[in-house]
C-alpha cells in the first residue's frame, strides 16, 4: 500500500545521527552535508517506487554535489520481515549500483522516527543551516519510471535552496511503500 508523507515543515532543524554505512564507515549529519545544503533520502532495496527511480536518484545526487549539496540515503526498514533490506543486501546494492553517496543503516529506526519519515522514497532537503526547505517528490514517477523529460522536482528545489537558502512553497509529496516498522 502506498504511503504519502506530510507537507514540508519549513525551518525544522535536521536531526543529527551517527549511522554505519555500506562502505564500512560511520557518518553523522555534518559528515554528509554539503556547504550549501543536504538531502537525506529514506530508501530501501525492495520498494518498487525506489527501484523505479534509483538511477535518477543516483544521477541527481551526483549532479547536486557539483552545486555544494550533500546527499545520503538511509534504510530504516525491518529486515526481519523484509530480508531484501538487510545490511548485507544494502552493501551489495550500493556496490552494484555504485552509489555516489553514503547508504546508511538505521537498524533501530530511531533516525526515521526523528525525521518523521513515512515512506520509501521520502526526501528531506535542508539548506546550509540544516533547516528543512523541501519535503517532496523526486519527480512525477510512481511505481514505474515516468518519461525522461519529467520535471526534476527535488533537483530543481535543491538548486534553488543552494542559491537562496529557501525552497519552493509549492511542493508535491513523495509517494512510496510505507516504512516497515518493527513491531513492539
N, C-alpha and C. Protein backbone atom coordinates (compact mmCIF):
# COMPACT_ATOMS: atom_id res chain seq x y z
N UNK A 1 0.84 -1.18 0.00
CA UNK A 1 0.00 0.00 0.00
C UNK A 1 0.88 1.24 0.00
N UNK A 2 0.56 2.20 -0.84
CA UNK A 2 1.34 3.43 -0.95
C UNK A 2 1.13 4.31 0.26
N UNK A 3 2.19 5.00 0.65
CA UNK A 3 2.14 5.96 1.75
C UNK A 3 2.59 7.32 1.22
N UNK A 4 2.01 8.37 1.78
CA UNK A 4 2.33 9.74 1.37
C UNK A 4 2.70 10.54 2.61
N UNK A 5 3.88 11.18 2.61
CA UNK A 5 4.28 11.96 3.78
C UNK A 5 3.56 13.30 3.88
N UNK A 6 3.72 13.93 5.03
CA UNK A 6 3.18 15.28 5.26
C UNK A 6 3.91 16.28 4.37
N UNK A 7 3.33 17.47 4.25
CA UNK A 7 4.00 18.53 3.51
C UNK A 7 5.16 19.07 4.32
N UNK A 8 5.99 19.86 3.68
CA UNK A 8 7.21 20.39 4.28
C UNK A 8 6.91 21.25 5.51
N UNK A 9 7.65 20.98 6.57
CA UNK A 9 7.59 21.79 7.78
C UNK A 9 8.79 22.75 7.73
N UNK A 10 8.63 23.84 6.98
CA UNK A 10 9.73 24.77 6.72
C UNK A 10 10.43 25.20 8.01
N UNK A 11 11.75 25.16 7.98
CA UNK A 11 12.55 25.65 9.09
C UNK A 11 12.86 24.62 10.16
N UNK A 12 12.28 23.42 10.08
CA UNK A 12 12.57 22.39 11.07
C UNK A 12 14.05 22.00 10.95
N UNK A 13 14.72 21.94 12.08
CA UNK A 13 16.14 21.60 12.09
C UNK A 13 16.33 20.11 11.82
N UNK A 14 17.31 19.79 10.99
CA UNK A 14 17.63 18.39 10.68
C UNK A 14 18.13 17.67 11.92
N UNK A 15 17.49 16.58 12.29
CA UNK A 15 18.00 15.79 13.42
C UNK A 15 19.38 15.19 13.08
N UNK A 16 20.28 15.23 14.03
CA UNK A 16 21.59 14.64 13.81
C UNK A 16 21.50 13.12 13.95
N UNK A 17 22.52 12.44 13.50
CA UNK A 17 22.57 10.98 13.58
C UNK A 17 24.02 10.53 13.50
N UNK A 18 24.25 9.30 13.86
CA UNK A 18 25.53 8.59 13.65
C UNK A 18 25.14 7.19 13.24
N UNK A 19 25.36 6.89 11.97
CA UNK A 19 24.91 5.60 11.44
C UNK A 19 26.02 4.92 10.65
N UNK A 20 26.05 3.57 10.72
CA UNK A 20 27.00 2.82 9.90
C UNK A 20 26.56 2.83 8.44
N UNK A 21 27.56 2.85 7.56
CA UNK A 21 27.29 2.87 6.13
C UNK A 21 27.82 1.60 5.46
N UNK A 22 27.36 1.42 4.24
CA UNK A 22 27.75 0.23 3.48
C UNK A 22 29.22 0.25 3.09
N UNK A 23 29.89 1.40 3.21
CA UNK A 23 31.32 1.48 2.89
C UNK A 23 32.21 1.19 4.09
N UNK A 24 31.60 0.78 5.22
CA UNK A 24 32.36 0.43 6.41
C UNK A 24 32.63 1.59 7.35
N UNK A 25 32.24 2.80 6.96
CA UNK A 25 32.43 3.98 7.80
C UNK A 25 31.15 4.29 8.57
N UNK A 26 31.26 5.21 9.53
CA UNK A 26 30.11 5.72 10.27
C UNK A 26 30.00 7.21 9.94
N UNK A 27 28.78 7.66 9.68
CA UNK A 27 28.56 9.05 9.26
C UNK A 27 27.58 9.75 10.19
N UNK A 28 27.82 11.05 10.37
CA UNK A 28 26.88 11.94 11.06
C UNK A 28 26.30 12.88 10.01
N UNK A 29 25.33 13.67 10.42
CA UNK A 29 24.74 14.66 9.52
C UNK A 29 25.81 15.60 8.97
N UNK A 30 26.68 16.10 9.82
CA UNK A 30 27.70 17.04 9.34
C UNK A 30 28.68 16.39 8.37
N UNK A 31 28.87 15.08 8.47
CA UNK A 31 29.75 14.37 7.52
C UNK A 31 29.18 14.34 6.11
N UNK A 32 27.85 14.31 5.99
CA UNK A 32 27.23 14.17 4.67
C UNK A 32 26.74 15.50 4.10
N UNK A 33 26.64 16.53 4.94
CA UNK A 33 26.13 17.83 4.48
C UNK A 33 27.15 18.52 3.59
N UNK A 34 26.65 19.17 2.55
CA UNK A 34 27.49 20.00 1.70
C UNK A 34 27.47 21.42 2.22
N UNK A 35 28.31 22.29 1.69
CA UNK A 35 28.35 23.67 2.15
C UNK A 35 27.08 24.46 1.85
N UNK A 36 26.26 23.98 0.90
CA UNK A 36 25.05 24.72 0.54
C UNK A 36 23.76 23.96 0.82
N UNK A 37 23.87 22.76 1.43
CA UNK A 37 22.68 22.01 1.77
C UNK A 37 22.92 20.52 1.78
N UNK A 38 21.86 19.80 2.09
CA UNK A 38 21.96 18.34 2.13
C UNK A 38 20.59 17.73 1.89
N UNK A 39 20.59 16.60 1.20
CA UNK A 39 19.39 15.79 1.03
C UNK A 39 19.57 14.52 1.85
N UNK A 40 18.58 14.23 2.67
CA UNK A 40 18.51 12.96 3.38
C UNK A 40 17.33 12.20 2.76
N UNK A 41 17.64 11.07 2.15
CA UNK A 41 16.63 10.28 1.44
C UNK A 41 16.44 8.95 2.16
N UNK A 42 15.21 8.64 2.51
CA UNK A 42 14.91 7.33 3.08
C UNK A 42 14.51 6.43 1.92
N UNK A 43 15.31 5.39 1.71
CA UNK A 43 15.07 4.44 0.62
C UNK A 43 15.21 3.03 1.18
N UNK A 44 15.06 2.05 0.33
CA UNK A 44 15.32 0.67 0.72
C UNK A 44 15.63 -0.12 -0.55
N UNK A 45 15.93 -1.39 -0.40
CA UNK A 45 16.32 -2.22 -1.53
C UNK A 45 15.15 -2.80 -2.30
N UNK A 46 14.01 -3.02 -1.64
CA UNK A 46 12.96 -3.81 -2.28
C UNK A 46 11.82 -2.99 -2.87
N UNK A 47 11.64 -1.75 -2.48
CA UNK A 47 10.46 -0.97 -2.84
C UNK A 47 10.41 -0.67 -4.34
N UNK A 48 9.31 -1.00 -5.01
CA UNK A 48 9.22 -0.71 -6.45
C UNK A 48 9.27 0.78 -6.76
N UNK A 49 8.81 1.62 -5.84
CA UNK A 49 8.87 3.07 -6.07
C UNK A 49 10.33 3.54 -6.08
N UNK A 50 11.16 2.99 -5.20
CA UNK A 50 12.58 3.33 -5.16
C UNK A 50 13.28 2.76 -6.40
N UNK A 51 13.04 1.49 -6.66
CA UNK A 51 13.72 0.84 -7.78
C UNK A 51 13.40 1.50 -9.11
N UNK A 52 12.19 2.03 -9.24
CA UNK A 52 11.78 2.69 -10.48
C UNK A 52 12.61 3.94 -10.77
N UNK A 53 13.08 4.61 -9.73
CA UNK A 53 13.78 5.88 -9.92
C UNK A 53 15.21 5.87 -9.37
N UNK A 54 15.72 4.71 -9.02
CA UNK A 54 17.05 4.66 -8.40
C UNK A 54 18.13 5.28 -9.29
N UNK A 55 18.08 5.05 -10.59
CA UNK A 55 19.06 5.66 -11.48
C UNK A 55 18.96 7.18 -11.43
N UNK A 56 17.75 7.70 -11.30
CA UNK A 56 17.55 9.15 -11.23
C UNK A 56 18.02 9.71 -9.89
N UNK A 57 17.83 8.95 -8.82
CA UNK A 57 18.33 9.37 -7.51
C UNK A 57 19.86 9.48 -7.57
N UNK A 58 20.49 8.47 -8.15
CA UNK A 58 21.95 8.46 -8.28
C UNK A 58 22.41 9.64 -9.14
N UNK A 59 21.74 9.87 -10.26
CA UNK A 59 22.08 10.99 -11.15
C UNK A 59 21.96 12.32 -10.39
N UNK A 60 20.83 12.53 -9.70
CA UNK A 60 20.62 13.79 -9.01
C UNK A 60 21.63 14.00 -7.89
N UNK A 61 21.95 12.94 -7.16
CA UNK A 61 22.96 13.06 -6.09
C UNK A 61 24.30 13.49 -6.67
N UNK A 62 24.69 12.89 -7.78
CA UNK A 62 25.96 13.26 -8.43
C UNK A 62 25.94 14.72 -8.86
N UNK A 63 24.86 15.12 -9.53
CA UNK A 63 24.78 16.48 -10.05
C UNK A 63 24.64 17.52 -8.94
N UNK A 64 23.95 17.18 -7.87
CA UNK A 64 23.81 18.13 -6.76
C UNK A 64 25.13 18.39 -6.05
N UNK A 65 26.01 17.40 -6.04
CA UNK A 65 27.31 17.60 -5.39
C UNK A 65 28.08 18.72 -6.08
N UNK A 66 27.87 18.90 -7.39
CA UNK A 66 28.52 19.99 -8.12
C UNK A 66 28.00 21.36 -7.69
N UNK A 67 26.88 21.38 -7.00
CA UNK A 67 26.27 22.63 -6.52
C UNK A 67 26.44 22.82 -5.01
N UNK A 68 27.29 21.98 -4.40
CA UNK A 68 27.56 22.12 -2.97
C UNK A 68 26.52 21.49 -2.07
N UNK A 69 25.71 20.57 -2.63
CA UNK A 69 24.66 19.91 -1.86
C UNK A 69 25.08 18.46 -1.59
N UNK A 70 25.16 18.11 -0.32
CA UNK A 70 25.47 16.74 0.07
C UNK A 70 24.25 15.85 -0.05
N UNK A 71 24.47 14.54 0.05
CA UNK A 71 23.38 13.58 -0.14
C UNK A 71 23.73 12.32 0.65
N UNK A 72 22.74 11.78 1.33
CA UNK A 72 22.87 10.48 1.99
C UNK A 72 21.54 9.76 1.90
N UNK A 73 21.59 8.45 1.80
CA UNK A 73 20.38 7.63 1.81
C UNK A 73 20.40 6.76 3.05
N UNK A 74 19.22 6.55 3.62
CA UNK A 74 19.08 5.77 4.85
C UNK A 74 18.05 4.69 4.63
N UNK A 75 18.39 3.47 5.02
CA UNK A 75 17.42 2.36 5.03
C UNK A 75 17.07 2.08 6.48
N UNK A 76 15.77 2.21 6.79
CA UNK A 76 15.29 2.00 8.16
C UNK A 76 14.35 0.81 8.28
N UNK A 77 14.13 0.10 7.19
CA UNK A 77 13.15 -0.99 7.22
C UNK A 77 13.58 -2.14 8.13
N UNK A 78 12.59 -2.81 8.68
CA UNK A 78 12.79 -4.00 9.50
C UNK A 78 13.19 -5.15 8.57
N UNK A 79 14.45 -5.55 8.64
CA UNK A 79 14.93 -6.61 7.73
C UNK A 79 14.49 -8.00 8.17
N UNK A 80 13.96 -8.12 9.40
CA UNK A 80 13.46 -9.45 9.80
C UNK A 80 12.18 -9.80 9.04
N UNK A 81 11.43 -8.78 8.64
CA UNK A 81 10.23 -9.02 7.84
C UNK A 81 10.47 -8.76 6.36
N UNK A 82 11.54 -8.02 6.04
CA UNK A 82 11.88 -7.70 4.66
C UNK A 82 13.38 -7.95 4.45
N UNK A 83 13.77 -9.21 4.29
CA UNK A 83 15.20 -9.57 4.21
C UNK A 83 15.96 -8.88 3.08
N UNK A 84 15.28 -8.46 2.04
CA UNK A 84 15.96 -7.75 0.95
C UNK A 84 16.59 -6.46 1.46
N UNK A 85 16.10 -5.95 2.58
CA UNK A 85 16.60 -4.70 3.14
C UNK A 85 17.64 -4.90 4.24
N UNK A 86 18.20 -6.10 4.33
CA UNK A 86 19.23 -6.36 5.34
C UNK A 86 20.50 -5.57 5.00
N UNK A 87 21.35 -5.39 6.00
CA UNK A 87 22.58 -4.64 5.78
C UNK A 87 23.45 -5.30 4.71
N UNK A 88 23.53 -6.62 4.73
CA UNK A 88 24.32 -7.35 3.72
C UNK A 88 23.80 -7.02 2.32
N UNK A 89 22.49 -7.00 2.16
CA UNK A 89 21.92 -6.68 0.85
C UNK A 89 22.07 -5.20 0.51
N UNK A 90 22.07 -4.33 1.52
CA UNK A 90 22.34 -2.91 1.28
C UNK A 90 23.76 -2.74 0.73
N UNK A 91 24.72 -3.44 1.33
CA UNK A 91 26.11 -3.37 0.87
C UNK A 91 26.20 -3.80 -0.59
N UNK A 92 25.53 -4.90 -0.91
CA UNK A 92 25.56 -5.41 -2.29
C UNK A 92 24.96 -4.40 -3.26
N UNK A 93 23.80 -3.82 -2.91
CA UNK A 93 23.16 -2.87 -3.82
C UNK A 93 24.03 -1.63 -4.01
N UNK A 94 24.56 -1.08 -2.93
CA UNK A 94 25.38 0.13 -3.03
C UNK A 94 26.59 -0.11 -3.92
N UNK A 95 27.17 -1.30 -3.81
CA UNK A 95 28.33 -1.65 -4.63
C UNK A 95 27.94 -1.85 -6.09
N UNK A 96 26.90 -2.64 -6.32
CA UNK A 96 26.47 -2.93 -7.70
C UNK A 96 26.04 -1.67 -8.43
N UNK A 97 25.34 -0.77 -7.74
CA UNK A 97 24.82 0.45 -8.38
C UNK A 97 25.77 1.63 -8.27
N UNK A 98 26.92 1.41 -7.60
CA UNK A 98 27.95 2.44 -7.46
C UNK A 98 27.37 3.74 -6.90
N UNK A 99 26.73 3.62 -5.74
CA UNK A 99 26.14 4.79 -5.09
C UNK A 99 27.21 5.86 -4.88
N UNK A 100 26.94 7.11 -5.29
CA UNK A 100 27.89 8.20 -5.07
C UNK A 100 27.67 8.90 -3.73
N UNK A 101 26.91 8.25 -2.86
CA UNK A 101 26.56 8.82 -1.56
C UNK A 101 26.60 7.71 -0.52
N UNK A 102 26.75 8.06 0.76
CA UNK A 102 26.69 7.04 1.81
C UNK A 102 25.28 6.43 1.88
N UNK A 103 25.24 5.12 2.01
CA UNK A 103 23.98 4.38 2.21
C UNK A 103 24.02 3.88 3.64
N UNK A 104 23.19 4.47 4.49
CA UNK A 104 23.26 4.30 5.94
C UNK A 104 22.21 3.34 6.46
N UNK A 105 22.56 2.61 7.51
CA UNK A 105 21.66 1.62 8.10
C UNK A 105 21.14 2.12 9.44
N UNK A 106 19.84 2.30 9.51
CA UNK A 106 19.15 2.77 10.72
C UNK A 106 18.43 1.57 11.34
N UNK A 107 19.22 0.67 11.88
CA UNK A 107 18.67 -0.61 12.36
C UNK A 107 17.61 -0.44 13.43
N UNK A 108 17.81 0.50 14.36
CA UNK A 108 16.82 0.65 15.45
C UNK A 108 15.69 1.61 15.07
N UNK A 109 15.74 2.15 13.87
CA UNK A 109 14.70 3.01 13.31
C UNK A 109 14.55 4.36 14.02
N UNK A 110 15.50 4.69 14.88
CA UNK A 110 15.40 5.95 15.62
C UNK A 110 15.57 7.17 14.73
N UNK A 111 16.38 7.05 13.69
CA UNK A 111 16.58 8.19 12.80
C UNK A 111 15.32 8.42 11.96
N UNK A 112 14.75 7.37 11.43
CA UNK A 112 13.49 7.51 10.68
C UNK A 112 12.42 8.16 11.55
N UNK A 113 12.35 7.76 12.80
CA UNK A 113 11.35 8.35 13.70
C UNK A 113 11.66 9.82 13.97
N UNK A 114 12.93 10.17 14.13
CA UNK A 114 13.28 11.57 14.42
C UNK A 114 13.00 12.47 13.22
N UNK A 115 13.07 11.93 12.03
CA UNK A 115 12.75 12.70 10.82
C UNK A 115 11.27 12.64 10.48
N UNK A 116 10.51 11.79 11.15
CA UNK A 116 9.11 11.53 10.80
C UNK A 116 8.99 10.98 9.38
N UNK A 117 9.95 10.14 9.00
CA UNK A 117 9.92 9.51 7.68
C UNK A 117 8.70 8.59 7.61
N UNK A 118 8.10 8.53 6.44
CA UNK A 118 6.86 7.77 6.26
C UNK A 118 7.01 6.66 5.23
N UNK A 119 7.72 6.96 4.15
CA UNK A 119 7.73 6.02 3.02
C UNK A 119 9.12 5.96 2.39
N UNK A 120 9.23 5.03 1.44
CA UNK A 120 10.42 4.95 0.60
C UNK A 120 9.98 5.11 -0.84
N UNK A 121 10.47 6.14 -1.53
CA UNK A 121 11.43 7.13 -1.06
C UNK A 121 10.74 8.29 -0.34
N UNK A 122 11.45 8.87 0.61
CA UNK A 122 11.00 10.07 1.33
C UNK A 122 12.21 11.00 1.38
N UNK A 123 12.08 12.17 0.76
CA UNK A 123 13.20 13.10 0.59
C UNK A 123 13.06 14.31 1.50
N UNK A 124 14.15 14.64 2.19
CA UNK A 124 14.22 15.81 3.05
C UNK A 124 15.36 16.68 2.56
N UNK A 125 15.05 17.90 2.11
CA UNK A 125 16.06 18.81 1.60
C UNK A 125 16.29 19.96 2.56
N UNK A 126 17.51 20.10 3.02
CA UNK A 126 17.87 21.12 4.00
C UNK A 126 18.82 22.15 3.40
N UNK A 127 18.74 23.38 3.89
CA UNK A 127 19.65 24.42 3.43
C UNK A 127 20.98 24.33 4.19
N UNK A 128 21.86 25.29 3.95
CA UNK A 128 23.18 25.28 4.58
C UNK A 128 23.11 25.35 6.10
N UNK A 129 22.03 25.91 6.63
CA UNK A 129 21.84 25.99 8.08
C UNK A 129 21.13 24.76 8.64
N UNK A 130 20.95 23.76 7.80
CA UNK A 130 20.30 22.50 8.16
C UNK A 130 18.85 22.70 8.59
N UNK A 131 18.19 23.64 7.91
CA UNK A 131 16.77 23.91 8.12
C UNK A 131 15.99 23.33 6.94
N UNK A 132 14.92 22.61 7.23
CA UNK A 132 14.14 21.94 6.20
C UNK A 132 13.52 22.96 5.24
N UNK A 133 13.72 22.71 3.95
CA UNK A 133 13.17 23.57 2.91
C UNK A 133 12.45 22.77 1.82
N UNK A 134 12.59 21.44 1.84
CA UNK A 134 11.93 20.63 0.82
C UNK A 134 11.57 19.28 1.40
N UNK A 135 10.33 18.88 1.16
CA UNK A 135 9.88 17.53 1.52
C UNK A 135 8.90 17.12 0.43
N UNK A 136 9.45 16.75 -0.69
CA UNK A 136 8.62 16.43 -1.84
C UNK A 136 9.16 15.27 -2.63
N UNK A 137 8.62 15.14 -3.79
CA UNK A 137 8.97 14.02 -4.65
C UNK A 137 10.24 14.27 -5.45
N UNK A 138 10.79 13.20 -5.97
CA UNK A 138 11.92 13.28 -6.90
C UNK A 138 11.44 13.85 -8.22
N UNK A 139 10.41 13.22 -8.74
CA UNK A 139 9.72 13.66 -9.96
C UNK A 139 8.34 13.00 -9.95
N UNK A 140 7.63 13.06 -11.05
CA UNK A 140 6.26 12.53 -11.09
C UNK A 140 6.18 11.02 -11.26
N UNK A 141 7.30 10.33 -11.26
CA UNK A 141 7.29 8.86 -11.35
C UNK A 141 6.60 8.27 -10.14
N UNK A 142 6.05 7.11 -10.31
CA UNK A 142 5.44 6.38 -9.19
C UNK A 142 6.13 5.03 -9.08
N UNK A 143 5.38 3.93 -9.17
CA UNK A 143 6.00 2.61 -9.04
C UNK A 143 6.64 2.15 -10.35
N UNK A 144 6.58 2.98 -11.37
CA UNK A 144 7.36 2.79 -12.58
C UNK A 144 7.88 4.16 -12.99
N UNK A 145 9.03 4.16 -13.63
CA UNK A 145 9.66 5.42 -14.01
C UNK A 145 8.84 6.12 -15.09
N UNK A 146 8.66 7.40 -14.90
CA UNK A 146 7.99 8.21 -15.91
C UNK A 146 8.96 8.56 -17.03
N UNK A 147 8.50 9.31 -18.02
CA UNK A 147 9.37 9.69 -19.13
C UNK A 147 10.59 10.50 -18.65
N UNK A 148 11.67 10.41 -19.39
CA UNK A 148 12.92 11.10 -19.03
C UNK A 148 12.74 12.61 -18.88
N UNK A 149 11.81 13.19 -19.63
CA UNK A 149 11.66 14.64 -19.62
C UNK A 149 10.83 15.17 -18.46
N UNK A 150 10.47 14.32 -17.50
CA UNK A 150 9.72 14.79 -16.34
C UNK A 150 10.49 15.88 -15.61
N UNK A 151 9.74 16.82 -15.07
CA UNK A 151 10.34 17.88 -14.25
C UNK A 151 11.06 17.23 -13.07
N UNK A 152 12.26 17.69 -12.78
CA UNK A 152 13.10 17.14 -11.71
C UNK A 152 12.84 17.95 -10.43
N UNK A 153 11.75 17.65 -9.74
CA UNK A 153 11.30 18.43 -8.60
C UNK A 153 12.38 18.58 -7.51
N UNK A 154 12.93 17.47 -7.05
CA UNK A 154 13.94 17.51 -5.98
C UNK A 154 15.17 18.28 -6.44
N UNK A 155 15.68 17.96 -7.60
CA UNK A 155 16.88 18.59 -8.12
C UNK A 155 16.68 20.10 -8.24
N UNK A 156 15.58 20.53 -8.86
CA UNK A 156 15.33 21.96 -9.04
C UNK A 156 15.16 22.67 -7.69
N UNK A 157 14.48 22.02 -6.76
CA UNK A 157 14.30 22.61 -5.43
C UNK A 157 15.65 22.78 -4.73
N UNK A 158 16.50 21.78 -4.82
CA UNK A 158 17.79 21.86 -4.14
C UNK A 158 18.73 22.87 -4.79
N UNK A 159 18.62 23.06 -6.10
CA UNK A 159 19.42 24.10 -6.77
C UNK A 159 18.98 25.47 -6.23
N UNK A 160 17.67 25.68 -6.09
CA UNK A 160 17.17 26.94 -5.55
C UNK A 160 17.60 27.12 -4.10
N UNK A 161 17.55 26.06 -3.32
CA UNK A 161 17.95 26.12 -1.91
C UNK A 161 19.44 26.43 -1.80
N UNK A 162 20.26 25.83 -2.66
CA UNK A 162 21.70 26.11 -2.65
C UNK A 162 21.97 27.58 -2.98
N UNK A 163 21.16 28.15 -3.86
CA UNK A 163 21.37 29.54 -4.29
C UNK A 163 20.80 30.56 -3.32
N UNK A 164 19.63 30.25 -2.73
CA UNK A 164 18.91 31.26 -1.94
C UNK A 164 18.70 30.89 -0.48
N UNK A 165 18.87 29.61 -0.15
CA UNK A 165 18.59 29.14 1.21
C UNK A 165 17.14 28.80 1.45
N UNK A 166 16.29 29.03 0.43
CA UNK A 166 14.86 28.77 0.59
C UNK A 166 14.35 27.83 -0.50
N UNK A 167 13.42 26.97 -0.08
CA UNK A 167 12.80 26.04 -1.02
C UNK A 167 11.51 26.58 -1.59
N UNK A 168 11.00 25.92 -2.62
CA UNK A 168 9.74 26.36 -3.23
C UNK A 168 8.57 26.17 -2.27
N UNK A 169 7.62 27.07 -2.29
CA UNK A 169 6.45 26.97 -1.42
C UNK A 169 5.49 25.89 -1.90
N UNK A 170 5.44 25.67 -3.20
CA UNK A 170 4.58 24.62 -3.74
C UNK A 170 5.40 23.35 -3.94
N UNK A 171 5.02 22.32 -3.19
CA UNK A 171 5.73 21.04 -3.26
C UNK A 171 4.71 19.92 -3.35
N UNK A 172 5.07 18.90 -4.10
CA UNK A 172 4.20 17.73 -4.24
C UNK A 172 4.86 16.60 -3.46
N UNK A 173 4.11 16.01 -2.55
CA UNK A 173 4.65 14.95 -1.70
C UNK A 173 5.14 13.76 -2.50
N UNK A 174 6.14 13.12 -1.95
CA UNK A 174 6.61 11.85 -2.50
C UNK A 174 5.55 10.79 -2.23
N UNK A 175 5.65 9.69 -2.91
CA UNK A 175 4.77 8.56 -2.66
C UNK A 175 5.61 7.30 -2.76
N UNK A 176 5.34 6.34 -1.89
CA UNK A 176 6.10 5.10 -1.94
C UNK A 176 5.55 4.08 -0.97
N UNK A 177 6.32 3.03 -0.79
CA UNK A 177 5.95 1.98 0.17
C UNK A 177 6.16 2.52 1.58
N UNK A 178 5.29 2.14 2.48
CA UNK A 178 5.46 2.58 3.86
C UNK A 178 6.73 1.99 4.44
N UNK A 179 7.33 2.72 5.38
CA UNK A 179 8.49 2.17 6.09
C UNK A 179 8.01 0.96 6.87
N UNK A 180 8.80 -0.08 6.85
CA UNK A 180 8.44 -1.33 7.53
C UNK A 180 8.94 -1.27 8.97
N UNK A 181 8.04 -0.82 9.84
CA UNK A 181 8.37 -0.63 11.24
C UNK A 181 8.45 -1.96 11.98
N UNK A 182 9.33 -2.02 12.96
CA UNK A 182 9.42 -3.20 13.82
C UNK A 182 8.22 -3.21 14.75
N UNK A 183 7.72 -4.40 15.04
CA UNK A 183 6.62 -4.49 15.99
C UNK A 183 7.18 -4.39 17.40
N UNK A 184 6.44 -3.74 18.27
CA UNK A 184 6.93 -3.52 19.64
C UNK A 184 6.78 -4.74 20.50
